[in-house]
PDB file of N, CA and C in Angstrom:
ATOM      1  N   UNK A   1       0.863  -1.179  -0.030  1.00  0.00           N
ATOM      2  CA  UNK A   1       0.032   0.008   0.035  1.00  0.00           C
ATOM      3  C   UNK A   1       0.892   1.224   0.008  1.00  0.00           C
ATOM      4  N   UNK A   2       0.347   2.322  -0.494  1.00  0.00           N
ATOM      5  CA  UNK A   2       1.106   3.524  -0.525  1.00  0.00           C
ATOM      6  C   UNK A   2       1.044   4.147  -1.847  1.00  0.00           C
ATOM      7  N   UNK A   3       1.874   5.085  -2.119  1.00  0.00           N
ATOM      8  CA  UNK A   3       1.871   5.752  -3.405  1.00  0.00           C
ATOM      9  C   UNK A   3       3.260   6.277  -3.670  1.00  0.00           C
ATOM     10  N   UNK A   4       3.507   6.568  -4.915  1.00  0.00           N
ATOM     11  CA  UNK A   4       4.800   7.136  -5.301  1.00  0.00           C
ATOM     12  C   UNK A   4       4.525   8.343  -6.134  1.00  0.00           C
ATOM     13  N   UNK A   5       5.297   9.369  -6.062  1.00  0.00           N
ATOM     14  CA  UNK A   5       5.112  10.508  -6.894  1.00  0.00           C
ATOM     15  C   UNK A   5       6.326  10.569  -7.812  1.00  0.00           C
ATOM     16  N   UNK A   6       6.107  11.150  -8.955  1.00  0.00           N
ATOM     17  CA  UNK A   6       7.152  11.408  -9.937  1.00  0.00           C
ATOM     18  C   UNK A   6       7.238  12.902 -10.183  1.00  0.00           C
ATOM     19  N   UNK A   7       8.061  13.593  -9.414  1.00  0.00           N
ATOM     20  CA  UNK A   7       8.151  15.068  -9.554  1.00  0.00           C
ATOM     21  C   UNK A   7       8.317  15.532 -10.981  1.00  0.00           C
ATOM     22  N   UNK A   8       9.111  14.873 -11.746  1.00  0.00           N
ATOM     23  CA  UNK A   8       9.330  15.306 -13.120  1.00  0.00           C
ATOM     24  C   UNK A   8       8.052  15.212 -13.913  1.00  0.00           C
ATOM     25  N   UNK A   9       7.233  14.260 -13.680  1.00  0.00           N
ATOM     26  CA  UNK A   9       5.943  14.129 -14.406  1.00  0.00           C
ATOM     27  C   UNK A   9       4.997  15.203 -13.912  1.00  0.00           C
ATOM     28  N   UNK A  10       5.043  15.586 -12.660  1.00  0.00           N
ATOM     29  CA  UNK A  10       4.214  16.661 -12.196  1.00  0.00           C
ATOM     30  C   UNK A  10       4.618  17.957 -12.843  1.00  0.00           C
ATOM     31  N   UNK A  11       5.971  18.186 -12.873  1.00  0.00           N
ATOM     32  CA  UNK A  11       6.420  19.369 -13.546  1.00  0.00           C
ATOM     33  C   UNK A  11       6.019  19.497 -15.063  1.00  0.00           C
ATOM     34  N   UNK A  12       6.158  18.353 -15.694  1.00  0.00           N
ATOM     35  CA  UNK A  12       5.802  18.289 -17.140  1.00  0.00           C
ATOM     36  C   UNK A  12       4.347  18.551 -17.314  1.00  0.00           C
ATOM     37  N   UNK A  13       3.471  17.970 -16.465  1.00  0.00           N
ATOM     38  CA  UNK A  13       2.039  18.218 -16.560  1.00  0.00           C
ATOM     39  C   UNK A  13       1.736  19.687 -16.301  1.00  0.00           C
ATOM     40  N   UNK A  14       2.456  20.235 -15.297  1.00  0.00           N
ATOM     41  CA  UNK A  14       2.178  21.625 -14.980  1.00  0.00           C
ATOM     42  C   UNK A  14       2.629  22.574 -16.064  1.00  0.00           C
ATOM     43  N   UNK A  15       3.737  22.232 -16.709  1.00  0.00           N
ATOM     44  CA  UNK A  15       4.213  23.039 -17.838  1.00  0.00           C
ATOM     45  C   UNK A  15       3.248  22.948 -19.029  1.00  0.00           C
ATOM     46  N   UNK A  16       2.728  21.760 -19.240  1.00  0.00           N
ATOM     47  CA  UNK A  16       1.763  21.552 -20.315  1.00  0.00           C
ATOM     48  C   UNK A  16       0.479  22.299 -20.031  1.00  0.00           C
ATOM     49  N   UNK A  17      -0.023  22.291 -18.837  1.00  0.00           N
ATOM     50  CA  UNK A  17      -1.260  22.990 -18.474  1.00  0.00           C
ATOM     51  C   UNK A  17      -1.062  24.482 -18.634  1.00  0.00           C
ATOM     52  N   UNK A  18       0.097  24.970 -18.201  1.00  0.00           N
ATOM     53  CA  UNK A  18       0.451  26.449 -18.321  1.00  0.00           C
ATOM     54  C   UNK A  18       0.484  26.850 -19.783  1.00  0.00           C
ATOM     55  N   UNK A  19       1.114  26.048 -20.632  1.00  0.00           N
ATOM     56  CA  UNK A  19       1.236  26.339 -22.029  1.00  0.00           C
ATOM     57  C   UNK A  19      -0.133  26.348 -22.753  1.00  0.00           C
ATOM     58  N   UNK A  20      -0.948  25.328 -22.397  1.00  0.00           N
ATOM     59  CA  UNK A  20      -2.241  25.224 -23.007  1.00  0.00           C
ATOM     60  C   UNK A  20      -3.123  26.458 -22.603  1.00  0.00           C
ATOM     61  N   UNK A  21      -3.033  26.836 -21.312  1.00  0.00           N
ATOM     62  CA  UNK A  21      -3.784  27.971 -20.819  1.00  0.00           C
ATOM     63  C   UNK A  21      -3.334  29.278 -21.483  1.00  0.00           C
ATOM     64  N   UNK A  22      -2.042  29.389 -21.688  1.00  0.00           N
ATOM     65  CA  UNK A  22      -1.541  30.575 -22.333  1.00  0.00           C
ATOM     66  C   UNK A  22      -2.001  30.615 -23.813  1.00  0.00           C
ATOM     67  N   UNK A  23      -2.031  29.521 -24.467  1.00  0.00           N
ATOM     68  CA  UNK A  23      -2.519  29.451 -25.830  1.00  0.00           C
ATOM     69  C   UNK A  23      -3.990  29.774 -25.922  1.00  0.00           C
ATOM     70  N   UNK A  24      -4.795  29.261 -25.051  1.00  0.00           N
ATOM     71  CA  UNK A  24      -6.230  29.520 -25.010  1.00  0.00           C
ATOM     72  C   UNK A  24      -6.541  30.990 -24.660  1.00  0.00           C
ATOM     73  N   UNK A  25      -5.703  31.544 -23.856  1.00  0.00           N
ATOM     74  CA  UNK A  25      -5.915  32.952 -23.429  1.00  0.00           C
ATOM     75  C   UNK A  25      -5.993  33.905 -24.617  1.00  0.00           C
ATOM     76  N   UNK A  26      -5.273  33.555 -25.720  1.00  0.00           N
ATOM     77  CA  UNK A  26      -5.295  34.396 -26.859  1.00  0.00           C
ATOM     78  C   UNK A  26      -6.528  34.206 -27.745  1.00  0.00           C
ATOM     79  N   UNK A  27      -7.318  33.120 -27.449  1.00  0.00           N
ATOM     80  CA  UNK A  27      -8.475  32.826 -28.220  1.00  0.00           C
ATOM     81  C   UNK A  27      -9.624  33.856 -27.934  1.00  0.00           C
ATOM     82  N   UNK A  28     -10.412  34.175 -28.928  1.00  0.00           N
ATOM     83  CA  UNK A  28     -11.540  35.051 -28.698  1.00  0.00           C
ATOM     84  C   UNK A  28     -12.786  34.232 -28.768  1.00  0.00           C
ATOM     85  N   UNK A  29     -13.054  33.408 -27.753  1.00  0.00           N
ATOM     86  CA  UNK A  29     -14.165  32.568 -27.753  1.00  0.00           C
ATOM     87  C   UNK A  29     -15.512  33.300 -27.678  1.00  0.00           C
ATOM     88  N   UNK A  30     -15.484  34.486 -27.123  1.00  0.00           N
ATOM     89  CA  UNK A  30     -16.710  35.241 -26.911  1.00  0.00           C
ATOM     90  C   UNK A  30     -17.091  36.143 -28.158  1.00  0.00           C
ATOM     91  N   UNK A  31     -16.082  36.310 -29.074  1.00  0.00           N
ATOM     92  CA  UNK A  31     -16.253  37.186 -30.215  1.00  0.00           C
ATOM     93  C   UNK A  31     -17.473  36.758 -31.087  1.00  0.00           C
ATOM     94  N   UNK A  32     -17.664  35.447 -31.446  1.00  0.00           N
ATOM     95  CA  UNK A  32     -18.796  35.128 -32.278  1.00  0.00           C
ATOM     96  C   UNK A  32     -20.125  35.424 -31.585  1.00  0.00           C
ATOM     97  N   UNK A  33     -20.232  35.271 -30.276  1.00  0.00           N
ATOM     98  CA  UNK A  33     -21.422  35.584 -29.567  1.00  0.00           C
ATOM     99  C   UNK A  33     -21.716  37.097 -29.629  1.00  0.00           C
ATOM    100  N   UNK A  34     -20.706  37.877 -29.522  1.00  0.00           N
ATOM    101  CA  UNK A  34     -20.822  39.340 -29.643  1.00  0.00           C
ATOM    102  C   UNK A  34     -21.327  39.820 -30.995  1.00  0.00           C
ATOM    103  N   UNK A  35     -20.949  39.093 -32.024  1.00  0.00           N
ATOM    104  CA  UNK A  35     -21.372  39.455 -33.383  1.00  0.00           C
ATOM    105  C   UNK A  35     -22.837  39.105 -33.627  1.00  0.00           C
ATOM    106  N   UNK A  36     -23.380  38.253 -32.775  1.00  0.00           N
ATOM    107  CA  UNK A  36     -24.768  37.879 -32.851  1.00  0.00           C
ATOM    108  C   UNK A  36     -25.668  39.128 -32.714  1.00  0.00           C
ATOM    109  N   UNK A  37     -25.284  40.024 -31.824  1.00  0.00           N
ATOM    110  CA  UNK A  37     -26.085  41.238 -31.612  1.00  0.00           C
ATOM    111  C   UNK A  37     -26.300  42.018 -32.869  1.00  0.00           C
ATOM    112  N   UNK A  38     -25.317  42.127 -33.730  1.00  0.00           N
ATOM    113  CA  UNK A  38     -25.426  42.834 -35.010  1.00  0.00           C
ATOM    114  C   UNK A  38     -26.369  42.100 -35.993  1.00  0.00           C
ATOM    115  N   UNK A  39     -26.410  40.824 -35.867  1.00  0.00           N
ATOM    116  CA  UNK A  39     -27.235  40.018 -36.737  1.00  0.00           C
ATOM    117  C   UNK A  39     -28.683  40.021 -36.401  1.00  0.00           C
ATOM    118  N   UNK A  40     -29.018  40.292 -35.114  1.00  0.00           N
ATOM    119  CA  UNK A  40     -30.395  40.239 -34.678  1.00  0.00           C
ATOM    120  C   UNK A  40     -30.743  41.598 -33.968  1.00  0.00           C
ATOM    121  N   UNK A  41     -30.720  42.592 -34.770  1.00  0.00           N
ATOM    122  CA  UNK A  41     -30.938  43.953 -34.237  1.00  0.00           C
ATOM    123  C   UNK A  41     -32.417  44.130 -33.735  1.00  0.00           C
ATOM    124  N   UNK A  42     -32.530  45.003 -32.760  1.00  0.00           N
ATOM    125  CA  UNK A  42     -33.874  45.284 -32.225  1.00  0.00           C
ATOM    126  C   UNK A  42     -34.266  44.240 -31.213  1.00  0.00           C
ATOM    127  N   UNK A  43     -35.329  44.586 -30.502  1.00  0.00           N
ATOM    128  CA  UNK A  43     -35.854  43.680 -29.493  1.00  0.00           C
ATOM    129  C   UNK A  43     -34.876  43.502 -28.340  1.00  0.00           C
ATOM    130  N   UNK A  44     -34.993  42.357 -27.727  1.00  0.00           N
ATOM    131  CA  UNK A  44     -34.166  42.031 -26.554  1.00  0.00           C
ATOM    132  C   UNK A  44     -32.972  41.111 -26.895  1.00  0.00           C
ATOM    133  N   UNK A  45     -32.907  40.710 -28.136  1.00  0.00           N
ATOM    134  CA  UNK A  45     -31.862  39.723 -28.466  1.00  0.00           C
ATOM    135  C   UNK A  45     -30.471  40.324 -28.529  1.00  0.00           C
ATOM    136  N   UNK A  46     -30.348  41.580 -29.066  1.00  0.00           N
ATOM    137  CA  UNK A  46     -29.075  42.200 -29.190  1.00  0.00           C
ATOM    138  C   UNK A  46     -28.433  42.442 -27.824  1.00  0.00           C
ATOM    139  N   UNK A  47     -29.183  43.105 -26.892  1.00  0.00           N
ATOM    140  CA  UNK A  47     -28.575  43.326 -25.577  1.00  0.00           C
ATOM    141  C   UNK A  47     -28.225  42.016 -24.821  1.00  0.00           C
ATOM    142  N   UNK A  48     -29.097  41.012 -25.040  1.00  0.00           N
ATOM    143  CA  UNK A  48     -28.901  39.734 -24.389  1.00  0.00           C
ATOM    144  C   UNK A  48     -27.618  39.049 -24.943  1.00  0.00           C
ATOM    145  N   UNK A  49     -27.403  39.204 -26.239  1.00  0.00           N
ATOM    146  CA  UNK A  49     -26.205  38.631 -26.901  1.00  0.00           C
ATOM    147  C   UNK A  49     -24.947  39.266 -26.362  1.00  0.00           C
ATOM    148  N   UNK A  50     -24.991  40.670 -26.116  1.00  0.00           N
ATOM    149  CA  UNK A  50     -23.877  41.366 -25.627  1.00  0.00           C
ATOM    150  C   UNK A  50     -23.579  40.948 -24.156  1.00  0.00           C
ATOM    151  N   UNK A  51     -24.653  40.832 -23.443  1.00  0.00           N
ATOM    152  CA  UNK A  51     -24.448  40.375 -21.998  1.00  0.00           C
ATOM    153  C   UNK A  51     -23.873  38.950 -21.959  1.00  0.00           C
ATOM    154  N   UNK A  52     -24.339  38.144 -22.794  1.00  0.00           N
ATOM    155  CA  UNK A  52     -23.754  36.750 -22.933  1.00  0.00           C
ATOM    156  C   UNK A  52     -22.303  36.817 -23.309  1.00  0.00           C
ATOM    157  N   UNK A  53     -21.928  37.634 -24.307  1.00  0.00           N
ATOM    158  CA  UNK A  53     -20.571  37.803 -24.691  1.00  0.00           C
ATOM    159  C   UNK A  53     -19.658  38.286 -23.566  1.00  0.00           C
ATOM    160  N   UNK A  54     -20.128  39.254 -22.815  1.00  0.00           N
ATOM    161  CA  UNK A  54     -19.368  39.735 -21.709  1.00  0.00           C
ATOM    162  C   UNK A  54     -19.174  38.694 -20.654  1.00  0.00           C
ATOM    163  N   UNK A  55     -20.250  38.009 -20.298  1.00  0.00           N
ATOM    164  CA  UNK A  55     -20.180  36.923 -19.298  1.00  0.00           C
ATOM    165  C   UNK A  55     -19.257  35.794 -19.757  1.00  0.00           C
ATOM    166  N   UNK A  56     -19.356  35.406 -21.027  1.00  0.00           N
ATOM    167  CA  UNK A  56     -18.460  34.335 -21.495  1.00  0.00           C
ATOM    168  C   UNK A  56     -17.053  34.765 -21.500  1.00  0.00           C
ATOM    169  N   UNK A  57     -16.786  35.993 -21.895  1.00  0.00           N
ATOM    170  CA  UNK A  57     -15.416  36.504 -21.911  1.00  0.00           C
ATOM    171  C   UNK A  57     -14.792  36.520 -20.473  1.00  0.00           C
ATOM    172  N   UNK A  58     -15.616  37.032 -19.562  1.00  0.00           N
ATOM    173  CA  UNK A  58     -15.126  37.048 -18.130  1.00  0.00           C
ATOM    174  C   UNK A  58     -14.858  35.617 -17.614  1.00  0.00           C
ATOM    175  N   UNK A  59     -15.822  34.775 -17.848  1.00  0.00           N
ATOM    176  CA  UNK A  59     -15.672  33.369 -17.341  1.00  0.00           C
ATOM    177  C   UNK A  59     -14.502  32.688 -18.006  1.00  0.00           C
ATOM    178  N   UNK A  60     -14.345  32.823 -19.263  1.00  0.00           N
ATOM    179  CA  UNK A  60     -13.197  32.269 -19.982  1.00  0.00           C
ATOM    180  C   UNK A  60     -11.890  32.752 -19.478  1.00  0.00           C
ATOM    181  N   UNK A  61     -11.776  34.021 -19.258  1.00  0.00           N
ATOM    182  CA  UNK A  61     -10.512  34.648 -18.715  1.00  0.00           C
ATOM    183  C   UNK A  61     -10.236  34.101 -17.307  1.00  0.00           C
ATOM    184  N   UNK A  62     -11.222  33.963 -16.506  1.00  0.00           N
ATOM    185  CA  UNK A  62     -11.045  33.404 -15.148  1.00  0.00           C
ATOM    186  C   UNK A  62     -10.621  31.948 -15.294  1.00  0.00           C
ATOM    187  N   UNK A  63     -11.241  31.245 -16.123  1.00  0.00           N
ATOM    188  CA  UNK A  63     -10.873  29.807 -16.315  1.00  0.00           C
ATOM    189  C   UNK A  63      -9.383  29.676 -16.768  1.00  0.00           C
ATOM    190  N   UNK A  64      -8.982  30.481 -17.670  1.00  0.00           N
ATOM    191  CA  UNK A  64      -7.587  30.427 -18.129  1.00  0.00           C
ATOM    192  C   UNK A  64      -6.629  30.704 -16.974  1.00  0.00           C
ATOM    193  N   UNK A  65      -6.960  31.729 -16.159  1.00  0.00           N
ATOM    194  CA  UNK A  65      -6.153  32.067 -14.980  1.00  0.00           C
ATOM    195  C   UNK A  65      -6.098  30.912 -14.027  1.00  0.00           C
ATOM    196  N   UNK A  66      -7.217  30.276 -13.781  1.00  0.00           N
ATOM    197  CA  UNK A  66      -7.202  29.121 -12.873  1.00  0.00           C
ATOM    198  C   UNK A  66      -6.427  27.949 -13.456  1.00  0.00           C
ATOM    199  N   UNK A  67      -6.539  27.737 -14.734  1.00  0.00           N
ATOM    200  CA  UNK A  67      -5.672  26.670 -15.366  1.00  0.00           C
ATOM    201  C   UNK A  67      -4.196  26.984 -15.228  1.00  0.00           C
ATOM    202  N   UNK A  68      -3.887  28.247 -15.401  1.00  0.00           N
ATOM    203  CA  UNK A  68      -2.482  28.635 -15.243  1.00  0.00           C
ATOM    204  C   UNK A  68      -2.006  28.406 -13.799  1.00  0.00           C
ATOM    205  N   UNK A  69      -2.825  28.810 -12.817  1.00  0.00           N
ATOM    206  CA  UNK A  69      -2.415  28.543 -11.444  1.00  0.00           C
ATOM    207  C   UNK A  69      -2.320  27.036 -11.103  1.00  0.00           C
ATOM    208  N   UNK A  70      -3.238  26.266 -11.732  1.00  0.00           N
ATOM    209  CA  UNK A  70      -3.159  24.829 -11.503  1.00  0.00           C
ATOM    210  C   UNK A  70      -1.872  24.258 -11.967  1.00  0.00           C
ATOM    211  N   UNK A  71      -1.429  24.680 -13.136  1.00  0.00           N
ATOM    212  CA  UNK A  71      -0.106  24.259 -13.700  1.00  0.00           C
ATOM    213  C   UNK A  71       1.007  24.688 -12.825  1.00  0.00           C
ATOM    214  N   UNK A  72       0.984  25.937 -12.306  1.00  0.00           N
ATOM    215  CA  UNK A  72       2.041  26.380 -11.404  1.00  0.00           C
ATOM    216  C   UNK A  72       1.996  25.591 -10.127  1.00  0.00           C
ATOM    217  N   UNK A  73       0.823  25.290  -9.605  1.00  0.00           N
ATOM    218  CA  UNK A  73       0.712  24.497  -8.330  1.00  0.00           C
ATOM    219  C   UNK A  73       1.223  23.092  -8.509  1.00  0.00           C
ATOM    220  N   UNK A  74       1.141  22.513  -9.687  1.00  0.00           N
ATOM    221  CA  UNK A  74       1.716  21.223  -9.893  1.00  0.00           C
ATOM    222  C   UNK A  74       3.250  21.265  -9.709  1.00  0.00           C
ATOM    223  N   UNK A  75       3.874  22.332 -10.216  1.00  0.00           N
ATOM    224  CA  UNK A  75       5.288  22.553 -10.061  1.00  0.00           C
ATOM    225  C   UNK A  75       5.663  22.708  -8.600  1.00  0.00           C
ATOM    226  N   UNK A  76       4.863  23.470  -7.867  1.00  0.00           N
ATOM    227  CA  UNK A  76       5.109  23.644  -6.433  1.00  0.00           C
ATOM    228  C   UNK A  76       4.963  22.306  -5.645  1.00  0.00           C
ATOM    229  N   UNK A  77       3.959  21.494  -6.117  1.00  0.00           N
ATOM    230  CA  UNK A  77       3.792  20.193  -5.452  1.00  0.00           C
ATOM    231  C   UNK A  77       5.014  19.310  -5.728  1.00  0.00           C
ATOM    232  N   UNK A  78       5.502  19.322  -6.907  1.00  0.00           N
ATOM    233  CA  UNK A  78       6.705  18.556  -7.244  1.00  0.00           C
ATOM    234  C   UNK A  78       7.846  18.982  -6.396  1.00  0.00           C
ATOM    235  N   UNK A  79       8.064  20.288  -6.272  1.00  0.00           N
ATOM    236  CA  UNK A  79       9.168  20.753  -5.367  1.00  0.00           C
ATOM    237  C   UNK A  79       9.035  20.244  -3.954  1.00  0.00           C
ATOM    238  N   UNK A  80       7.759  20.317  -3.429  1.00  0.00           N
ATOM    239  CA  UNK A  80       7.506  19.873  -2.094  1.00  0.00           C
ATOM    240  C   UNK A  80       7.685  18.386  -1.877  1.00  0.00           C
ATOM    241  N   UNK A  81       7.267  17.629  -2.883  1.00  0.00           N
ATOM    242  CA  UNK A  81       7.502  16.161  -2.777  1.00  0.00           C
ATOM    243  C   UNK A  81       9.003  15.823  -2.754  1.00  0.00           C
ATOM    244  N   UNK A  82       9.753  16.491  -3.602  1.00  0.00           N
ATOM    245  CA  UNK A  82      11.175  16.287  -3.644  1.00  0.00           C
ATOM    246  C   UNK A  82      11.803  16.734  -2.322  1.00  0.00           C
ATOM    247  N   UNK A  83      11.390  17.856  -1.816  1.00  0.00           N
ATOM    248  CA  UNK A  83      11.939  18.349  -0.525  1.00  0.00           C
ATOM    249  C   UNK A  83      11.687  17.323   0.542  1.00  0.00           C
ATOM    250  N   UNK A  84      10.459  16.821   0.572  1.00  0.00           N
ATOM    251  CA  UNK A  84      10.091  15.787   1.643  1.00  0.00           C
ATOM    252  C   UNK A  84      10.862  14.540   1.455  1.00  0.00           C
ATOM    253  N   UNK A  85      11.095  14.136   0.205  1.00  0.00           N
ATOM    254  CA  UNK A  85      11.923  12.951  -0.044  1.00  0.00           C
ATOM    255  C   UNK A  85      13.337  13.079   0.425  1.00  0.00           C
ATOM    256  N   UNK A  86      13.923  14.286   0.146  1.00  0.00           N
ATOM    257  CA  UNK A  86      15.266  14.549   0.574  1.00  0.00           C
ATOM    258  C   UNK A  86      15.372  14.596   2.129  1.00  0.00           C
ATOM    259  N   UNK A  87      14.418  15.209   2.726  1.00  0.00           N
ATOM    260  CA  UNK A  87      14.406  15.316   4.208  1.00  0.00           C
ATOM    261  C   UNK A  87      14.238  13.928   4.798  1.00  0.00           C
ATOM    262  N   UNK A  88      13.390  13.073   4.277  1.00  0.00           N
ATOM    263  CA  UNK A  88      13.156  11.789   4.759  1.00  0.00           C
ATOM    264  C   UNK A  88      14.387  10.879   4.578  1.00  0.00           C
ATOM    265  N   UNK A  89      15.099  11.070   3.491  1.00  0.00           N
ATOM    266  CA  UNK A  89      16.333  10.296   3.205  1.00  0.00           C
ATOM    267  C   UNK A  89      17.338  10.490   4.284  1.00  0.00           C
ATOM    268  N   UNK A  90      17.403  11.692   4.872  1.00  0.00           N
ATOM    269  CA  UNK A  90      18.371  11.957   5.982  1.00  0.00           C
ATOM    270  C   UNK A  90      17.952  11.345   7.278  1.00  0.00           C
ATOM    271  N   UNK A  91      16.641  11.004   7.434  1.00  0.00           N
ATOM    272  CA  UNK A  91      16.169  10.510   8.683  1.00  0.00           C
ATOM    273  C   UNK A  91      16.042   8.977   8.587  1.00  0.00           C
ATOM    274  N   UNK A  92      15.626   8.459   7.484  1.00  0.00           N
ATOM    275  CA  UNK A  92      15.467   7.039   7.295  1.00  0.00           C
ATOM    276  C   UNK A  92      16.578   6.521   6.380  1.00  0.00           C
ATOM    277  N   UNK A  93      17.530   5.759   6.895  1.00  0.00           N
ATOM    278  CA  UNK A  93      18.667   5.284   6.075  1.00  0.00           C
ATOM    279  C   UNK A  93      18.301   4.383   4.906  1.00  0.00           C
ATOM    280  N   UNK A  94      17.191   3.665   5.030  1.00  0.00           N
ATOM    281  CA  UNK A  94      16.806   2.685   3.995  1.00  0.00           C
ATOM    282  C   UNK A  94      15.315   2.796   3.813  1.00  0.00           C
ATOM    283  N   UNK A  95      14.853   2.439   2.583  1.00  0.00           N
ATOM    284  CA  UNK A  95      13.382   2.444   2.411  1.00  0.00           C
ATOM    285  C   UNK A  95      12.695   1.380   3.284  1.00  0.00           C
ATOM    286  N   UNK A  96      11.439   1.589   3.663  1.00  0.00           N
ATOM    287  CA  UNK A  96      10.775   0.605   4.489  1.00  0.00           C
ATOM    288  C   UNK A  96      10.606  -0.675   3.772  1.00  0.00           C
ATOM    289  N   UNK A  97      10.653  -1.845   4.519  1.00  0.00           N
ATOM    290  CA  UNK A  97      10.406  -3.152   3.930  1.00  0.00           C
ATOM    291  C   UNK A  97       9.165  -3.777   4.428  1.00  0.00           C
ATOM    292  N   UNK A  98       8.421  -3.084   5.257  1.00  0.00           N
ATOM    293  CA  UNK A  98       7.171  -3.658   5.728  1.00  0.00           C
ATOM    294  C   UNK A  98       6.158  -3.662   4.607  1.00  0.00           C
ATOM    295  N   UNK A  99       5.425  -4.783   4.546  1.00  0.00           N
ATOM    296  CA  UNK A  99       4.387  -4.946   3.509  1.00  0.00           C
ATOM    297  C   UNK A  99       3.002  -4.957   4.194  1.00  0.00           C
ATOM    298  N   UNK A 100       2.044  -4.534   3.400  1.00  0.00           N
ATOM    299  CA  UNK A 100       0.689  -4.545   3.925  1.00  0.00           C
ATOM    300  C   UNK A 100       0.081  -5.915   3.894  1.00  0.00           C
ATOM    301  N   UNK A 101      -1.220  -6.007   4.257  1.00  0.00           N
ATOM    302  CA  UNK A 101      -1.853  -7.281   4.279  1.00  0.00           C
ATOM    303  C   UNK A 101      -1.913  -7.979   2.880  1.00  0.00           C
ATOM    304  N   UNK A 102      -1.840  -9.217   2.819  1.00  0.00           N
ATOM    305  CA  UNK A 102      -1.918  -9.920   1.499  1.00  0.00           C
ATOM    306  C   UNK A 102      -3.130 -10.826   1.497  1.00  0.00           C
TER     307      UNK A 102
END
């Protein structure tokens, strides 16, 4: 029983998440929704489309920021796992040999 971490894999996943978030940040996902207002002039549709565009733009920007932080936090987690492993290596001279139930 137990688990093992692979700090390099955490860092790689974090870097990938950060790169993807940065790439998506440049996308204008709300733009097409905003153009809808010009296509359906009058009534309540145009203001509703603009409100939807603003909301989508804000939500997407927040999501990209959260994805960026998630990637950064994976790197922090990798650093902390390594630090813990190095600290434990100084306290425990050999890996445990005890096995769980079989």
